[in-house]
Amino acid sequence: MTSKKKHRFLLGALVGATAGILLAPKSGKETRADIKKGGKKAYKKARATGAKTVAQAKKVKRTVTRDAKKAAKSVSHTKKK
């Protein structure tokens, strides 16, 4: 599935879920509680995903920095010969 198709699917799912919540035969109080609960769940998931992304980025940074230092040393040793 291409990225564009994934975005369209997620947008459709979001619109469908929103319509389902707003059109459900519940009181406004229950609907607001459902929306609040869903928002909290989405927030927690986004925070967890963000934390994982930051950890992966830090790992990549360390690897790139280490490899760049090795390459720089290799180049400097080559030039001295």
PDB file of N, CA and C in Angstrom:
ATOM      1  N   MET A   1       0.848  -1.174   0.000  1.00  0.00           N
ATOM      2  CA  MET A   1       0.000   0.000   0.000  1.00  0.00           C
ATOM      3  C   MET A   1       0.898   1.243   0.000  1.00  0.00           C
ATOM      4  N   THR A   2       0.641   2.137  -0.921  1.00  0.00           N
ATOM      5  CA  THR A   2       1.468   3.328  -1.025  1.00  0.00           C
ATOM      6  C   THR A   2       1.143   4.296   0.103  1.00  0.00           C
ATOM      7  N   SER A   3       2.043   5.216   0.312  1.00  0.00           N
ATOM      8  CA  SER A   3       1.869   6.202   1.371  1.00  0.00           C
ATOM      9  C   SER A   3       0.599   7.030   1.160  1.00  0.00           C
ATOM     10  N   LYS A   4       0.332   7.384  -0.089  1.00  0.00           N
ATOM     11  CA  LYS A   4      -0.852   8.185  -0.394  1.00  0.00           C
ATOM     12  C   LYS A   4      -2.126   7.408  -0.055  1.00  0.00           C
ATOM     13  N   LYS A   5      -2.133   6.120  -0.363  1.00  0.00           N
ATOM     14  CA  LYS A   5      -3.293   5.289  -0.066  1.00  0.00           C
ATOM     15  C   LYS A   5      -3.474   5.136   1.443  1.00  0.00           C
ATOM     16  N   LYS A   6      -2.359   5.015   2.166  1.00  0.00           N
ATOM     17  CA  LYS A   6      -2.434   4.898   3.624  1.00  0.00           C
ATOM     18  C   LYS A   6      -3.035   6.159   4.226  1.00  0.00           C
ATOM     19  N   HIS A   7      -2.602   7.311   3.730  1.00  0.00           N
ATOM     20  CA  HIS A   7      -3.125   8.573   4.249  1.00  0.00           C
ATOM     21  C   HIS A   7      -4.616   8.691   3.973  1.00  0.00           C
ATOM     22  N   ARG A   8      -5.020   8.299   2.781  1.00  0.00           N
ATOM     23  CA  ARG A   8      -6.450   8.354   2.433  1.00  0.00           C
ATOM     24  C   ARG A   8      -7.255   7.403   3.312  1.00  0.00           C
ATOM     25  N   PHE A   9      -6.709   6.211   3.541  1.00  0.00           N
ATOM     26  CA  PHE A   9      -7.398   5.239   4.389  1.00  0.00           C
ATOM     27  C   PHE A   9      -7.553   5.789   5.803  1.00  0.00           C
ATOM     28  N   LEU A  10      -6.464   6.325   6.361  1.00  0.00           N
ATOM     29  CA  LEU A  10      -6.518   6.869   7.718  1.00  0.00           C
ATOM     30  C   LEU A  10      -7.479   8.044   7.816  1.00  0.00           C
ATOM     31  N   LEU A  11      -7.484   8.900   6.804  1.00  0.00           N
ATOM     32  CA  LEU A  11      -8.410  10.021   6.794  1.00  0.00           C
ATOM     33  C   LEU A  11      -9.849   9.520   6.744  1.00  0.00           C
ATOM     34  N   GLY A  12     -10.110   8.540   5.912  1.00  0.00           N
ATOM     35  CA  GLY A  12     -11.446   7.958   5.825  1.00  0.00           C
ATOM     36  C   GLY A  12     -11.873   7.320   7.133  1.00  0.00           C
ATOM     37  N   ALA A  13     -10.942   6.614   7.769  1.00  0.00           N
ATOM     38  CA  ALA A  13     -11.244   5.980   9.058  1.00  0.00           C
ATOM     39  C   ALA A  13     -11.561   7.042  10.107  1.00  0.00           C
ATOM     40  N   LEU A  14     -10.791   8.123  10.106  1.00  0.00           N
ATOM     41  CA  LEU A  14     -11.019   9.210  11.061  1.00  0.00           C
ATOM     42  C   LEU A  14     -12.373   9.869  10.835  1.00  0.00           C
ATOM     43  N   VAL A  15     -12.694  10.147   9.579  1.00  0.00           N
ATOM     44  CA  VAL A  15     -13.984  10.760   9.252  1.00  0.00           C
ATOM     45  C   VAL A  15     -15.119   9.816   9.633  1.00  0.00           C
ATOM     46  N   GLY A  16     -14.963   8.548   9.345  1.00  0.00           N
ATOM     47  CA  GLY A  16     -15.990   7.563   9.683  1.00  0.00           C
ATOM     48  C   GLY A  16     -16.196   7.434  11.180  1.00  0.00           C
ATOM     49  N   ALA A  17     -15.101   7.399  11.911  1.00  0.00           N
ATOM     50  CA  ALA A  17     -15.194   7.296  13.368  1.00  0.00           C
ATOM     51  C   ALA A  17     -15.857   8.536  13.963  1.00  0.00           C
ATOM     52  N   THR A  18     -15.480   9.691  13.448  1.00  0.00           N
ATOM     53  CA  THR A  18     -16.069  10.945  13.931  1.00  0.00           C
ATOM     54  C   THR A  18     -17.567  10.969  13.644  1.00  0.00           C
ATOM     55  N   ALA A  19     -17.948  10.590  12.444  1.00  0.00           N
ATOM     56  CA  ALA A  19     -19.369  10.559  12.086  1.00  0.00           C
ATOM     57  C   ALA A  19     -20.110   9.563  12.965  1.00  0.00           C
ATOM     58  N   GLY A  20     -19.520   8.421  13.203  1.00  0.00           N
ATOM     59  CA  GLY A  20     -20.142   7.410  14.055  1.00  0.00           C
ATOM     60  C   GLY A  20     -20.372   7.904  15.466  1.00  0.00           C
ATOM     61  N   ILE A  21     -19.394   8.607  16.001  1.00  0.00           N
ATOM     62  CA  ILE A  21     -19.532   9.149  17.358  1.00  0.00           C
ATOM     63  C   ILE A  21     -20.620  10.211  17.407  1.00  0.00           C
ATOM     64  N   LEU A  22     -20.593  11.115  16.447  1.00  0.00           N
ATOM     65  CA  LEU A  22     -21.538  12.233  16.469  1.00  0.00           C
ATOM     66  C   LEU A  22     -22.971  11.803  16.151  1.00  0.00           C
ATOM     67  N   LEU A  23     -23.134  10.735  15.390  1.00  0.00           N
ATOM     68  CA  LEU A  23     -24.471  10.301  15.000  1.00  0.00           C
ATOM     69  C   LEU A  23     -25.004   9.155  15.861  1.00  0.00           C
ATOM     70  N   ALA A  24     -24.218   8.687  16.801  1.00  0.00           N
ATOM     71  CA  ALA A  24     -24.640   7.580  17.660  1.00  0.00           C
ATOM     72  C   ALA A  24     -25.787   8.033  18.565  1.00  0.00           C
ATOM     73  N   PRO A  25     -26.681   7.103  18.883  1.00  0.00           N
ATOM     74  CA  PRO A  25     -27.813   7.468  19.746  1.00  0.00           C
ATOM     75  C   PRO A  25     -27.412   7.541  21.223  1.00  0.00           C
ATOM     76  N   LYS A  26     -26.571   8.506  21.533  1.00  0.00           N
ATOM     77  CA  LYS A  26     -26.109   8.720  22.908  1.00  0.00           C
ATOM     78  C   LYS A  26     -26.406  10.153  23.291  1.00  0.00           C
ATOM     79  N   SER A  27     -26.371  10.386  24.565  1.00  0.00           N
ATOM     80  CA  SER A  27     -26.542  11.763  25.027  1.00  0.00           C
ATOM     81  C   SER A  27     -25.270  12.542  24.732  1.00  0.00           C
ATOM     82  N   GLY A  28     -25.392  13.851  24.741  1.00  0.00           N
ATOM     83  CA  GLY A  28     -24.222  14.696  24.513  1.00  0.00           C
ATOM     84  C   GLY A  28     -23.143  14.453  25.544  1.00  0.00           C
ATOM     85  N   LYS A  29     -23.550  14.209  26.776  1.00  0.00           N
ATOM     86  CA  LYS A  29     -22.596  13.967  27.864  1.00  0.00           C
ATOM     87  C   LYS A  29     -21.795  12.689  27.588  1.00  0.00           C
ATOM     88  N   GLU A  30     -22.492  11.634  27.157  1.00  0.00           N
ATOM     89  CA  GLU A  30     -21.809  10.374  26.842  1.00  0.00           C
ATOM     90  C   GLU A  30     -20.880  10.539  25.641  1.00  0.00           C
ATOM     91  N   THR A  31     -21.340  11.269  24.643  1.00  0.00           N
ATOM     92  CA  THR A  31     -20.531  11.496  23.442  1.00  0.00           C
ATOM     93  C   THR A  31     -19.270  12.276  23.789  1.00  0.00           C
ATOM     94  N   ARG A  32     -19.409  13.316  24.592  1.00  0.00           N
ATOM     95  CA  ARG A  32     -18.232  14.097  25.005  1.00  0.00           C
ATOM     96  C   ARG A  32     -17.257  13.235  25.803  1.00  0.00           C
ATOM     97  N   ALA A  33     -17.784  12.354  26.648  1.00  0.00           N
ATOM     98  CA  ALA A  33     -16.922  11.458  27.426  1.00  0.00           C
ATOM     99  C   ALA A  33     -16.164  10.510  26.491  1.00  0.00           C
ATOM    100  N   ASP A  34     -16.864  10.001  25.472  1.00  0.00           N
ATOM    101  CA  ASP A  34     -16.209   9.115  24.493  1.00  0.00           C
ATOM    102  C   ASP A  34     -15.105   9.847  23.737  1.00  0.00           C
ATOM    103  N   ILE A  35     -15.395  11.081  23.328  1.00  0.00           N
ATOM    104  CA  ILE A  35     -14.407  11.881  22.600  1.00  0.00           C
ATOM    105  C   ILE A  35     -13.196  12.163  23.490  1.00  0.00           C
ATOM    106  N   LYS A  36     -13.446  12.491  24.739  1.00  0.00           N
ATOM    107  CA  LYS A  36     -12.359  12.771  25.682  1.00  0.00           C
ATOM    108  C   LYS A  36     -11.495  11.523  25.885  1.00  0.00           C
ATOM    109  N   LYS A  37     -12.160  10.381  26.050  1.00  0.00           N
ATOM    110  CA  LYS A  37     -11.437   9.118  26.241  1.00  0.00           C
ATOM    111  C   LYS A  37     -10.583   8.798  25.003  1.00  0.00           C
ATOM    112  N   GLY A  38     -11.163   8.965  23.822  1.00  0.00           N
ATOM    113  CA  GLY A  38     -10.420   8.714  22.583  1.00  0.00           C
ATOM    114  C   GLY A  38      -9.252   9.674  22.421  1.00  0.00           C
ATOM    115  N   GLY A  39      -9.462  10.922  22.793  1.00  0.00           N
ATOM    116  CA  GLY A  39      -8.390  11.913  22.712  1.00  0.00           C
ATOM    117  C   GLY A  39      -7.229  11.567  23.629  1.00  0.00           C
ATOM    118  N   LYS A  40      -7.549  11.133  24.840  1.00  0.00           N
ATOM    119  CA  LYS A  40      -6.500  10.744  25.788  1.00  0.00           C
ATOM    120  C   LYS A  40      -5.719   9.537  25.276  1.00  0.00           C
ATOM    121  N   LYS A  41      -6.461   8.585  24.698  1.00  0.00           N
ATOM    122  CA  LYS A  41      -5.808   7.392  24.156  1.00  0.00           C
ATOM    123  C   LYS A  41      -4.882   7.761  22.995  1.00  0.00           C
ATOM    124  N   ALA A  42      -5.360   8.615  22.105  1.00  0.00           N
ATOM    125  CA  ALA A  42      -4.548   9.051  20.963  1.00  0.00           C
ATOM    126  C   ALA A  42      -3.318   9.829  21.435  1.00  0.00           C
ATOM    127  N   TYR A  43      -3.496  10.668  22.461  1.00  0.00           N
ATOM    128  CA  TYR A  43      -2.384  11.450  23.002  1.00  0.00           C
ATOM    129  C   TYR A  43      -1.305  10.520  23.565  1.00  0.00           C
ATOM    130  N   LYS A  44      -1.730   9.519  24.336  1.00  0.00           N
ATOM    131  CA  LYS A  44      -0.761   8.585  24.921  1.00  0.00           C
ATOM    132  C   LYS A  44      -0.008   7.819  23.828  1.00  0.00           C
ATOM    133  N   LYS A  45      -0.748   7.409  22.803  1.00  0.00           N
ATOM    134  CA  LYS A  45      -0.115   6.672  21.709  1.00  0.00           C
ATOM    135  C   LYS A  45       0.874   7.565  20.956  1.00  0.00           C
ATOM    136  N   ALA A  46       0.494   8.821  20.734  1.00  0.00           N
ATOM    137  CA  ALA A  46       1.381   9.759  20.045  1.00  0.00           C
ATOM    138  C   ALA A  46       2.640  10.017  20.868  1.00  0.00           C
ATOM    139  N   ARG A  47       2.480  10.150  22.175  1.00  0.00           N
ATOM    140  CA  ARG A  47       3.654  10.359  23.045  1.00  0.00           C
ATOM    141  C   ARG A  47       4.591   9.159  22.985  1.00  0.00           C
ATOM    142  N   ALA A  48       4.022   7.957  23.033  1.00  0.00           N
ATOM    143  CA  ALA A  48       4.842   6.746  22.985  1.00  0.00           C
ATOM    144  C   ALA A  48       5.561   6.636  21.642  1.00  0.00           C
ATOM    145  N   THR A  49       4.852   6.910  20.568  1.00  0.00           N
ATOM    146  CA  THR A  49       5.459   6.863  19.236  1.00  0.00           C
ATOM    147  C   THR A  49       6.553   7.916  19.117  1.00  0.00           C
ATOM    148  N   GLY A  50       6.298   9.099  19.647  1.00  0.00           N
ATOM    149  CA  GLY A  50       7.301  10.169  19.630  1.00  0.00           C
ATOM    150  C   GLY A  50       8.548   9.778  20.405  1.00  0.00           C
ATOM    151  N   ALA A  51       8.342   9.163  21.569  1.00  0.00           N
ATOM    152  CA  ALA A  51       9.484   8.738  22.380  1.00  0.00           C
ATOM    153  C   ALA A  51      10.318   7.684  21.643  1.00  0.00           C
ATOM    154  N   LYS A  52       9.643   6.748  20.980  1.00  0.00           N
ATOM    155  CA  LYS A  52      10.363   5.725  20.216  1.00  0.00           C
ATOM    156  C   LYS A  52      11.135   6.360  19.060  1.00  0.00           C
ATOM    157  N   THR A  53      10.518   7.319  18.404  1.00  0.00           N
ATOM    158  CA  THR A  53      11.163   7.993  17.274  1.00  0.00           C
ATOM    159  C   THR A  53      12.398   8.751  17.733  1.00  0.00           C
ATOM    160  N   VAL A  54      12.283   9.444  18.861  1.00  0.00           N
ATOM    161  CA  VAL A  54      13.434  10.178  19.396  1.00  0.00           C
ATOM    162  C   VAL A  54      14.561   9.215  19.752  1.00  0.00           C
ATOM    163  N   ALA A  55      14.228   8.101  20.376  1.00  0.00           N
ATOM    164  CA  ALA A  55      15.249   7.111  20.743  1.00  0.00           C
ATOM    165  C   ALA A  55      15.945   6.564  19.499  1.00  0.00           C
ATOM    166  N   GLN A  56      15.177   6.273  18.456  1.00  0.00           N
ATOM    167  CA  GLN A  56      15.772   5.766  17.212  1.00  0.00           C
ATOM    168  C   GLN A  56      16.648   6.829  16.556  1.00  0.00           C
ATOM    169  N   ALA A  57      16.206   8.076  16.588  1.00  0.00           N
ATOM    170  CA  ALA A  57      16.990   9.162  15.984  1.00  0.00           C
ATOM    171  C   ALA A  57      18.308   9.337  16.727  1.00  0.00           C
ATOM    172  N   LYS A  58      18.282   9.232  18.043  1.00  0.00           N
ATOM    173  CA  LYS A  58      19.517   9.355  18.827  1.00  0.00           C
ATOM    174  C   LYS A  58      20.480   8.215  18.496  1.00  0.00           C
ATOM    175  N   LYS A  59      19.923   7.025  18.321  1.00  0.00           N
ATOM    176  CA  LYS A  59      20.764   5.878  17.974  1.00  0.00           C
ATOM    177  C   LYS A  59      21.415   6.075  16.606  1.00  0.00           C
ATOM    178  N   VAL A  60      20.641   6.543  15.643  1.00  0.00           N
ATOM    179  CA  VAL A  60      21.169   6.808  14.306  1.00  0.00           C
ATOM    180  C   VAL A  60      22.233   7.900  14.373  1.00  0.00           C
ATOM    181  N   LYS A  61      21.987   8.935  15.155  1.00  0.00           N
ATOM    182  CA  LYS A  61      22.958  10.025  15.289  1.00  0.00           C
ATOM    183  C   LYS A  61      24.284   9.494  15.826  1.00  0.00           C
ATOM    184  N   ARG A  62      24.211   8.642  16.863  1.00  0.00           N
ATOM    185  CA  ARG A  62      25.450   8.077  17.415  1.00  0.00           C
ATOM    186  C   ARG A  62      26.196   7.268  16.366  1.00  0.00           C
ATOM    187  N   THR A  63      25.467   6.468  15.612  1.00  0.00           N
ATOM    188  CA  THR A  63      26.091   5.631  14.583  1.00  0.00           C
ATOM    189  C   THR A  63      26.731   6.490  13.495  1.00  0.00           C
ATOM    190  N   VAL A  64      26.009   7.496  13.035  1.00  0.00           N
ATOM    191  CA  VAL A  64      26.529   8.365  11.969  1.00  0.00           C
ATOM    192  C   VAL A  64      27.751   9.129  12.470  1.00  0.00           C
ATOM    193  N   THR A  65      27.674   9.643  13.707  1.00  0.00           N
ATOM    194  CA  THR A  65      28.806  10.381  14.271  1.00  0.00           C
ATOM    195  C   THR A  65      30.037   9.478  14.373  1.00  0.00           C
ATOM    196  N   ARG A  66      29.843   8.255  14.874  1.00  0.00           N
ATOM    197  CA  ARG A  66      30.959   7.309  15.007  1.00  0.00           C
ATOM    198  C   ARG A  66      31.563   6.992  13.641  1.00  0.00           C
ATOM    199  N   ASP A  67      30.703   6.712  12.671  1.00  0.00           N
ATOM    200  CA  ASP A  67      31.202   6.367  11.338  1.00  0.00           C
ATOM    201  C   ASP A  67      31.893   7.557  10.665  1.00  0.00           C
ATOM    202  N   ALA A  68      31.374   8.765  10.886  1.00  0.00           N
ATOM    203  CA  ALA A  68      31.993   9.959  10.304  1.00  0.00           C
ATOM    204  C   ALA A  68      33.380  10.187  10.907  1.00  0.00           C
ATOM    205  N   LYS A  69      33.516   9.961  12.209  1.00  0.00           N
ATOM    206  CA  LYS A  69      34.822  10.118  12.857  1.00  0.00           C
ATOM    207  C   LYS A  69      35.821   9.095  12.309  1.00  0.00           C
ATOM    208  N   LYS A  70      35.349   7.860  12.123  1.00  0.00           N
ATOM    209  CA  LYS A  70      36.222   6.824  11.562  1.00  0.00           C
ATOM    210  C   LYS A  70      36.658   7.201  10.143  1.00  0.00           C
ATOM    211  N   ALA A  71      35.723   7.699   9.357  1.00  0.00           N
ATOM    212  CA  ALA A  71      36.038   8.085   7.982  1.00  0.00           C
ATOM    213  C   ALA A  71      37.018   9.254   7.968  1.00  0.00           C
ATOM    214  N   ALA A  72      36.824  10.211   8.870  1.00  0.00           N
ATOM    215  CA  ALA A  72      37.718  11.367   8.930  1.00  0.00           C
ATOM    216  C   ALA A  72      39.133  10.931   9.307  1.00  0.00           C
ATOM    217  N   LYS A  73      39.248  10.012  10.255  1.00  0.00           N
ATOM    218  CA  LYS A  73      40.561   9.505  10.642  1.00  0.00           C
ATOM    219  C   LYS A  73      41.222   8.774   9.480  1.00  0.00           C
ATOM    220  N   SER A  74      40.425   7.994   8.769  1.00  0.00           N
ATOM    221  CA  SER A  74      40.939   7.245   7.628  1.00  0.00           C
ATOM    222  C   SER A  74      41.453   8.194   6.550  1.00  0.00           C
ATOM    223  N   VAL A  75      40.721   9.249   6.286  1.00  0.00           N
ATOM    224  CA  VAL A  75      41.128  10.226   5.280  1.00  0.00           C
ATOM    225  C   VAL A  75      42.392  10.948   5.727  1.00  0.00           C
ATOM    226  N   SER A  76      42.456  11.320   7.007  1.00  0.00           N
ATOM    227  CA  SER A  76      43.629  12.063   7.476  1.00  0.00           C
ATOM    228  C   SER A  76      44.875  11.172   7.457  1.00  0.00           C
ATOM    229  N   HIS A  77      44.723   9.884   7.769  1.00  0.00           N
ATOM    230  CA  HIS A  77      45.859   8.961   7.707  1.00  0.00           C
ATOM    231  C   HIS A  77      46.301   8.739   6.269  1.00  0.00           C
ATOM    232  N   THR A  78      45.380   8.699   5.350  1.00  0.00           N
ATOM    233  CA  THR A  78      45.680   8.516   3.937  1.00  0.00           C
ATOM    234  C   THR A  78      46.449   9.717   3.390  1.00  0.00           C
ATOM    235  N   LYS A  79      46.065  10.921   3.792  1.00  0.00           N
ATOM    236  CA  LYS A  79      46.728  12.146   3.305  1.00  0.00           C
ATOM    237  C   LYS A  79      48.154  12.254   3.823  1.00  0.00           C
ATOM    238  N   LYS A  80      48.406  11.755   5.050  1.00  0.00           N
ATOM    239  CA  LYS A  80      49.744  11.865   5.640  1.00  0.00           C
ATOM    240  C   LYS A  80      50.755  10.973   4.955  1.00  0.00           C
ATOM    241  N   LYS A  81      50.326   9.931   4.294  1.00  0.00           N
ATOM    242  CA  LYS A  81      51.251   8.970   3.666  1.00  0.00           C
ATOM    243  C   LYS A  81      51.886   9.508   2.451  1.00  0.00           C
TER     244      LYS A  81
END
